[in-house]
Amino acid sequence: MSVTRFSPAGLQPHTPYHHVAVGTGTRHIHVSGQVARLGDGSPVAPGDLAGQVAQVLRNTGRALAGADASFQDVVRLTFYVTDWTPDKIGPFMAGIESVVEELGLPWPLPPASLIGVDHLFEPDVLVELEATAVSQNGDFLGQLDRAGVRRRAGRGRGESLVSSNVLLVVDAAGHPRARLRRHRSAADRPFGSHSRRARRSGPLSSL
């Protein structure tokens, strides 16, 4: 395993996540903020926080799989939830628990934060999830080729590899380095022109 998760003594106990993750792999994977949308852009679970939490985890799982990784490789999860109040913790956790077995989520979760915001990029979006993972190299380039993932020329660092929401840049030594994808048009830019204003932030310390 390229990731070890643990919670040192002296930190807040009984949290549904580990406080620390140590990644020893050489491949860093950054997944852009995922929202409750299907592949055709249609909304999932409007007005249902639990349903949207489940869907953003499913979408994050798909993005990780596109980079030949899984939730077992994740070192960091950051949830953004609109109009957060403590009473929303029930449906929030219900959404996570509903997909633990389906997605093979580690439990406790990787280190995680829940950040309350005023709004996200569209009114129906209640939650957004960003993830960072670390894994071993393996035959990643070959797997991308076999999967038909689009490539483009890099700027002096080998090749850039674009797969859905994940952009990986291969350095001169052939080691992929992760970067977030830059969307090229308004239609392809999920955040639009919104500003994500944090209202209250911190770890999932109320759980």
C-alpha atoms as a PDB file:
ATOM      1  CA  MET A   1       0.000   0.000   0.000  1.00  0.00           C
ATOM      2  CA  SER A   2       1.261   3.503  -0.854  1.00  0.00           C
ATOM      3  CA  VAL A   3      -0.889   5.236   1.804  1.00  0.00           C
ATOM      4  CA  THR A   4      -0.915   4.698   5.572  1.00  0.00           C
ATOM      5  CA  ARG A   5      -3.612   6.400   7.648  1.00  0.00           C
ATOM      6  CA  PHE A   6      -3.597   6.796  11.431  1.00  0.00           C
ATOM      7  CA  SER A   7      -4.626   9.078  14.302  1.00  0.00           C
ATOM      8  CA  PRO A   8      -1.888   9.944  16.811  1.00  0.00           C
ATOM      9  CA  ALA A   9      -2.690  10.068  20.504  1.00  0.00           C
ATOM     10  CA  GLY A  10      -3.749  13.453  21.815  1.00  0.00           C
ATOM     11  CA  LEU A  11      -5.929  14.419  18.852  1.00  0.00           C
ATOM     12  CA  GLN A  12      -9.719  14.545  18.895  1.00  0.00           C
ATOM     13  CA  PRO A  13     -11.026  10.969  19.325  1.00  0.00           C
ATOM     14  CA  HIS A  14     -14.005   9.190  17.806  1.00  0.00           C
ATOM     15  CA  THR A  15     -13.914  10.957  14.441  1.00  0.00           C
ATOM     16  CA  PRO A  16     -15.130   9.190  11.273  1.00  0.00           C
ATOM     17  CA  TYR A  17     -11.798   9.955   9.601  1.00  0.00           C
ATOM     18  CA  HIS A  18      -8.112   9.484  10.337  1.00  0.00           C
ATOM     19  CA  HIS A  19      -6.200  12.610  11.285  1.00  0.00           C
ATOM     20  CA  VAL A  20      -3.051  11.763   9.320  1.00  0.00           C
ATOM     21  CA  ALA A  21      -2.259  10.097   6.002  1.00  0.00           C
ATOM     22  CA  VAL A  22       1.265   9.328   4.814  1.00  0.00           C
ATOM     23  CA  GLY A  23       1.700   8.674   1.099  1.00  0.00           C
ATOM     24  CA  THR A  24       4.829   6.856  -0.050  1.00  0.00           C
ATOM     25  CA  GLY A  25       3.909   6.431  -3.721  1.00  0.00           C
ATOM     26  CA  THR A  26       5.419   8.467  -6.540  1.00  0.00           C
ATOM     27  CA  ARG A  27       2.216   9.381  -8.375  1.00  0.00           C
ATOM     28  CA  HIS A  28       0.133  12.289  -7.078  1.00  0.00           C
ATOM     29  CA  ILE A  29      -3.480  12.484  -8.269  1.00  0.00           C
ATOM     30  CA  HIS A  30      -5.644  15.567  -7.819  1.00  0.00           C
ATOM     31  CA  VAL A  31      -9.368  15.297  -8.537  1.00  0.00           C
ATOM     32  CA  SER A  32     -11.233  18.504  -9.222  1.00  0.00           C
ATOM     33  CA  GLY A  33     -14.344  19.403  -7.248  1.00  0.00           C
ATOM     34  CA  GLN A  34     -17.062  16.876  -8.025  1.00  0.00           C
ATOM     35  CA  VAL A  35     -20.754  17.740  -7.800  1.00  0.00           C
ATOM     36  CA  ALA A  36     -23.938  15.694  -8.124  1.00  0.00           C
ATOM     37  CA  ARG A  37     -24.101  15.523 -11.913  1.00  0.00           C
ATOM     38  CA  LEU A  38     -24.289  12.590 -14.309  1.00  0.00           C
ATOM     39  CA  GLY A  39     -22.064  12.197 -17.347  1.00  0.00           C
ATOM     40  CA  ASP A  40     -24.563  14.133 -19.458  1.00  0.00           C
ATOM     41  CA  GLY A  41     -24.616  17.007 -16.975  1.00  0.00           C
ATOM     42  CA  SER A  42     -28.056  16.273 -15.557  1.00  0.00           C
ATOM     43  CA  PRO A  43     -28.545  16.953 -11.814  1.00  0.00           C
ATOM     44  CA  VAL A  44     -28.786  14.138  -9.280  1.00  0.00           C
ATOM     45  CA  ALA A  45     -30.866  14.287  -6.073  1.00  0.00           C
ATOM     46  CA  PRO A  46     -32.003  17.944  -6.168  1.00  0.00           C
ATOM     47  CA  GLY A  47     -32.667  19.206  -2.659  1.00  0.00           C
ATOM     48  CA  ASP A  48     -31.367  15.955  -1.107  1.00  0.00           C
ATOM     49  CA  LEU A  49     -28.057  16.408   0.726  1.00  0.00           C
ATOM     50  CA  ALA A  50     -27.615  12.684   1.427  1.00  0.00           C
ATOM     51  CA  GLY A  51     -28.243  11.799  -2.215  1.00  0.00           C
ATOM     52  CA  GLN A  52     -25.818  14.437  -3.449  1.00  0.00           C
ATOM     53  CA  VAL A  53     -23.096  13.367  -1.014  1.00  0.00           C
ATOM     54  CA  ALA A  54     -23.429   9.806  -2.314  1.00  0.00           C
ATOM     55  CA  GLN A  55     -23.212  10.999  -5.928  1.00  0.00           C
ATOM     56  CA  VAL A  56     -20.130  13.188  -5.446  1.00  0.00           C
ATOM     57  CA  LEU A  57     -18.385  10.201  -3.903  1.00  0.00           C
ATOM     58  CA  ARG A  58     -19.395   8.038  -6.875  1.00  0.00           C
ATOM     59  CA  ASN A  59     -18.088  10.664  -9.298  1.00  0.00           C
ATOM     60  CA  THR A  60     -14.857  10.970  -7.338  1.00  0.00           C
ATOM     61  CA  GLY A  61     -14.488   7.195  -7.490  1.00  0.00           C
ATOM     62  CA  ARG A  62     -14.867   7.322 -11.279  1.00  0.00           C
ATOM     63  CA  ALA A  63     -12.242  10.053 -11.545  1.00  0.00           C
ATOM     64  CA  LEU A  64      -9.821   8.061  -9.385  1.00  0.00           C
ATOM     65  CA  ALA A  65     -10.420   4.943 -11.455  1.00  0.00           C
ATOM     66  CA  GLY A  66      -9.592   6.976 -14.562  1.00  0.00           C
ATOM     67  CA  ALA A  67      -6.153   7.545 -13.054  1.00  0.00           C
ATOM     68  CA  ASP A  68      -5.801   3.859 -12.087  1.00  0.00           C
ATOM     69  CA  ALA A  69      -6.403   4.657  -8.408  1.00  0.00           C
ATOM     70  CA  SER A  70      -9.094   4.124  -5.787  1.00  0.00           C
ATOM     71  CA  PHE A  71     -10.246   5.498  -2.450  1.00  0.00           C
ATOM     72  CA  GLN A  72      -7.588   3.314  -0.832  1.00  0.00           C
ATOM     73  CA  ASP A  73      -5.027   5.716  -2.342  1.00  0.00           C
ATOM     74  CA  VAL A  74      -6.716   8.890  -1.078  1.00  0.00           C
ATOM     75  CA  VAL A  75      -4.806  11.064   1.392  1.00  0.00           C
ATOM     76  CA  ARG A  76      -7.220  13.987   1.600  1.00  0.00           C
ATOM     77  CA  LEU A  77     -10.947  14.721   1.150  1.00  0.00           C
ATOM     78  CA  THR A  78     -12.414  18.221   1.287  1.00  0.00           C
ATOM     79  CA  PHE A  79     -16.191  18.650   1.295  1.00  0.00           C
ATOM     80  CA  TYR A  80     -17.860  22.008   0.631  1.00  0.00           C
ATOM     81  CA  VAL A  81     -21.498  22.204   1.779  1.00  0.00           C
ATOM     82  CA  THR A  82     -23.826  25.140   1.221  1.00  0.00           C
ATOM     83  CA  ASP A  83     -25.565  26.835   4.155  1.00  0.00           C
ATOM     84  CA  TRP A  84     -24.036  24.427   6.641  1.00  0.00           C
ATOM     85  CA  THR A  85     -25.686  24.020  10.032  1.00  0.00           C
ATOM     86  CA  PRO A  86     -24.946  21.302  12.625  1.00  0.00           C
ATOM     87  CA  ASP A  87     -28.325  19.623  12.055  1.00  0.00           C
ATOM     88  CA  LYS A  88     -27.205  18.674   8.536  1.00  0.00           C
ATOM     89  CA  ILE A  89     -24.627  16.223   9.883  1.00  0.00           C
ATOM     90  CA  GLY A  90     -27.225  13.419   9.889  1.00  0.00           C
ATOM     91  CA  PRO A  91     -28.022  13.463   6.156  1.00  0.00           C
ATOM     92  CA  PHE A  92     -24.382  14.244   5.349  1.00  0.00           C
ATOM     93  CA  MET A  93     -23.128  11.131   7.118  1.00  0.00           C
ATOM     94  CA  ALA A  94     -26.047   9.078   5.773  1.00  0.00           C
ATOM     95  CA  GLY A  95     -24.888   9.911   2.255  1.00  0.00           C
ATOM     96  CA  ILE A  96     -21.356   8.703   3.008  1.00  0.00           C
ATOM     97  CA  GLU A  97     -22.482   5.549   4.779  1.00  0.00           C
ATOM     98  CA  SER A  98     -24.815   4.625   1.917  1.00  0.00           C
ATOM     99  CA  VAL A  99     -21.872   4.098  -0.464  1.00  0.00           C
ATOM    100  CA  VAL A 100     -19.161   2.736   1.863  1.00  0.00           C
ATOM    101  CA  GLU A 101     -19.509  -0.829   0.590  1.00  0.00           C
ATOM    102  CA  GLU A 102     -20.401   0.137  -2.982  1.00  0.00           C
ATOM    103  CA  LEU A 103     -17.259   2.239  -3.431  1.00  0.00           C
ATOM    104  CA  GLY A 104     -14.931   0.431  -1.036  1.00  0.00           C
ATOM    105  CA  LEU A 105     -14.444   3.536   1.094  1.00  0.00           C
ATOM    106  CA  PRO A 106     -11.874   3.055   3.859  1.00  0.00           C
ATOM    107  CA  TRP A 107     -13.348   3.462   7.335  1.00  0.00           C
ATOM    108  CA  PRO A 108     -12.443   5.597   9.125  1.00  0.00           C
ATOM    109  CA  LEU A 109     -12.181   7.870   6.101  1.00  0.00           C
ATOM    110  CA  PRO A 110      -8.951   9.485   4.945  1.00  0.00           C
ATOM    111  CA  PRO A 111      -8.196  12.870   6.556  1.00  0.00           C
ATOM    112  CA  ALA A 112     -11.175  15.066   5.758  1.00  0.00           C
ATOM    113  CA  SER A 113     -12.516  18.567   6.214  1.00  0.00           C
ATOM    114  CA  LEU A 114     -16.048  19.880   5.877  1.00  0.00           C
ATOM    115  CA  ILE A 115     -16.248  23.554   4.908  1.00  0.00           C
ATOM    116  CA  GLY A 116     -19.495  25.509   4.983  1.00  0.00           C
ATOM    117  CA  VAL A 117     -19.939  27.984   2.104  1.00  0.00           C
ATOM    118  CA  ASP A 118     -22.589  30.496   1.096  1.00  0.00           C
ATOM    119  CA  HIS A 119     -23.181  28.949  -2.303  1.00  0.00           C
ATOM    120  CA  LEU A 120     -21.662  26.797  -5.034  1.00  0.00           C
ATOM    121  CA  PHE A 121     -21.755  27.324  -8.780  1.00  0.00           C
ATOM    122  CA  GLU A 122     -25.465  26.565  -9.315  1.00  0.00           C
ATOM    123  CA  PRO A 123     -28.367  26.867  -6.851  1.00  0.00           C
ATOM    124  CA  ASP A 124     -29.188  23.144  -6.835  1.00  0.00           C
ATOM    125  CA  VAL A 125     -25.613  22.106  -5.937  1.00  0.00           C
ATOM    126  CA  LEU A 126     -25.501  21.379  -2.203  1.00  0.00           C
ATOM    127  CA  VAL A 127     -22.089  19.734  -1.906  1.00  0.00           C
ATOM    128  CA  GLU A 128     -18.774  19.567  -3.746  1.00  0.00           C
ATOM    129  CA  LEU A 129     -15.877  17.193  -3.070  1.00  0.00           C
ATOM    130  CA  GLU A 130     -12.174  17.510  -3.869  1.00  0.00           C
ATOM    131  CA  ALA A 131      -9.757  14.601  -3.423  1.00  0.00           C
ATOM    132  CA  THR A 132      -6.012  14.047  -3.407  1.00  0.00           C
ATOM    133  CA  ALA A 133      -4.458  10.609  -3.773  1.00  0.00           C
ATOM    134  CA  VAL A 134      -0.975   9.086  -3.873  1.00  0.00           C
ATOM    135  CA  SER A 135      -0.223   5.790  -5.594  1.00  0.00           C
ATOM    136  CA  GLN A 136       2.536   3.774  -7.195  1.00  0.00           C
ATOM    137  CA  ASN A 137       3.519   4.304 -10.826  1.00  0.00           C
ATOM    138  CA  GLY A 138       2.764   0.899 -12.317  1.00  0.00           C
ATOM    139  CA  ASP A 139       2.060   0.757 -16.049  1.00  0.00           C
ATOM    140  CA  PHE A 140      -0.041   3.910 -15.959  1.00  0.00           C
ATOM    141  CA  LEU A 141       0.877   5.250 -19.402  1.00  0.00           C
ATOM    142  CA  GLY A 142       0.151   1.902 -20.998  1.00  0.00           C
ATOM    143  CA  GLN A 143      -3.201   1.708 -19.247  1.00  0.00           C
ATOM    144  CA  LEU A 144      -4.112   5.177 -20.493  1.00  0.00           C
ATOM    145  CA  ASP A 145      -3.236   4.161 -24.035  1.00  0.00           C
ATOM    146  CA  ARG A 146      -5.334   1.009 -23.792  1.00  0.00           C
ATOM    147  CA  ALA A 147      -8.236   3.042 -22.405  1.00  0.00           C
ATOM    148  CA  GLY A 148      -8.015   5.508 -25.289  1.00  0.00           C
ATOM    149  CA  VAL A 149      -7.319   8.515 -23.052  1.00  0.00           C
ATOM    150  CA  ARG A 150      -6.512  11.657 -25.016  1.00  0.00           C
ATOM    151  CA  ARG A 151      -2.965  12.985 -24.874  1.00  0.00           C
ATOM    152  CA  ARG A 152      -1.430  16.288 -25.843  1.00  0.00           C
ATOM    153  CA  ALA A 153       2.083  17.671 -26.048  1.00  0.00           C
ATOM    154  CA  GLY A 154       3.560  18.973 -22.829  1.00  0.00           C
ATOM    155  CA  ARG A 155       5.670  22.066 -22.376  1.00  0.00           C
ATOM    156  CA  GLY A 156       9.126  20.591 -22.054  1.00  0.00           C
ATOM    157  CA  ARG A 157       8.065  17.934 -19.555  1.00  0.00           C
ATOM    158  CA  GLY A 158       7.149  14.967 -21.708  1.00  0.00           C
ATOM    159  CA  GLU A 159       3.407  14.597 -22.236  1.00  0.00           C
ATOM    160  CA  SER A 160       0.288  15.931 -20.599  1.00  0.00           C
ATOM    161  CA  LEU A 161      -2.435  13.372 -20.114  1.00  0.00           C
ATOM    162  CA  VAL A 162      -6.018  14.521 -19.865  1.00  0.00           C
ATOM    163  CA  SER A 163      -8.664  12.169 -18.510  1.00  0.00           C
ATOM    164  CA  SER A 164     -12.004  13.691 -17.531  1.00  0.00           C
ATOM    165  CA  ASN A 165     -11.286  15.895 -14.504  1.00  0.00           C
ATOM    166  CA  VAL A 166      -7.706  14.705 -13.979  1.00  0.00           C
ATOM    167  CA  LEU A 167      -4.658  16.224 -15.680  1.00  0.00           C
ATOM    168  CA  LEU A 168      -1.355  14.424 -15.275  1.00  0.00           C
ATOM    169  CA  VAL A 169       1.929  15.841 -16.527  1.00  0.00           C
ATOM    170  CA  VAL A 170       4.726  13.387 -17.220  1.00  0.00           C
ATOM    171  CA  ASP A 171       8.179  14.696 -16.380  1.00  0.00           C
ATOM    172  CA  ALA A 172      11.359  14.029 -18.295  1.00  0.00           C
ATOM    173  CA  ALA A 173      12.016  10.882 -16.264  1.00  0.00           C
ATOM    174  CA  GLY A 174       8.648   9.461 -17.240  1.00  0.00           C
ATOM    175  CA  HIS A 175       7.037   9.992 -13.835  1.00  0.00           C
ATOM    176  CA  PRO A 176       3.481  11.350 -14.002  1.00  0.00           C
ATOM    177  CA  ARG A 177       2.889  14.509 -12.014  1.00  0.00           C
ATOM    178  CA  ALA A 178      -0.710  15.506 -11.274  1.00  0.00           C
ATOM    179  CA  ARG A 179      -2.267  18.863 -12.007  1.00  0.00           C
ATOM    180  CA  LEU A 180      -5.823  20.078 -12.066  1.00  0.00           C
ATOM    181  CA  ARG A 181      -7.428  20.325 -15.451  1.00  0.00           C
ATOM    182  CA  ARG A 182      -8.014  23.799 -16.893  1.00  0.00           C
ATOM    183  CA  HIS A 183     -11.432  24.033 -18.556  1.00  0.00           C
ATOM    184  CA  ARG A 184     -11.343  25.750 -21.900  1.00  0.00           C
ATOM    185  CA  SER A 185     -14.821  27.176 -22.307  1.00  0.00           C
ATOM    186  CA  ALA A 186     -17.707  28.402 -20.215  1.00  0.00           C
ATOM    187  CA  ALA A 187     -19.705  25.291 -21.131  1.00  0.00           C
ATOM    188  CA  ASP A 188     -16.811  23.120 -19.965  1.00  0.00           C
ATOM    189  CA  ARG A 189     -16.146  25.074 -16.775  1.00  0.00           C
ATOM    190  CA  PRO A 190     -18.226  23.631 -13.913  1.00  0.00           C
ATOM    191  CA  PHE A 191     -17.463  26.457 -11.494  1.00  0.00           C
ATOM    192  CA  GLY A 192     -18.525  29.135 -13.985  1.00  0.00           C
ATOM    193  CA  SER A 193     -17.677  32.552 -12.593  1.00  0.00           C
ATOM    194  CA  HIS A 194     -18.827  31.883  -9.048  1.00  0.00           C
ATOM    195  CA  SER A 195     -16.768  32.733  -6.009  1.00  0.00           C
ATOM    196  CA  ARG A 196     -16.810  30.076  -3.320  1.00  0.00           C
ATOM    197  CA  ARG A 197     -16.980  32.151  -0.146  1.00  0.00           C
ATOM    198  CA  ALA A 198     -16.160  30.161   2.959  1.00  0.00           C
ATOM    199  CA  ARG A 199     -18.387  31.007   5.892  1.00  0.00           C
ATOM    200  CA  ARG A 200     -17.123  28.548   8.464  1.00  0.00           C
ATOM    201  CA  SER A 201     -14.495  25.887   8.090  1.00  0.00           C
ATOM    202  CA  GLY A 202     -12.665  23.155   9.912  1.00  0.00           C
ATOM    203  CA  PRO A 203     -12.443  19.397  10.198  1.00  0.00           C
ATOM    204  CA  LEU A 204     -15.488  17.195  10.648  1.00  0.00           C
ATOM    205  CA  SER A 205     -15.007  17.830  14.341  1.00  0.00           C
ATOM    206  CA  SER A 206     -18.665  17.825  15.273  1.00  0.00           C
ATOM    207  CA  LEU A 207     -19.091  14.161  14.334  1.00  0.00           C
END
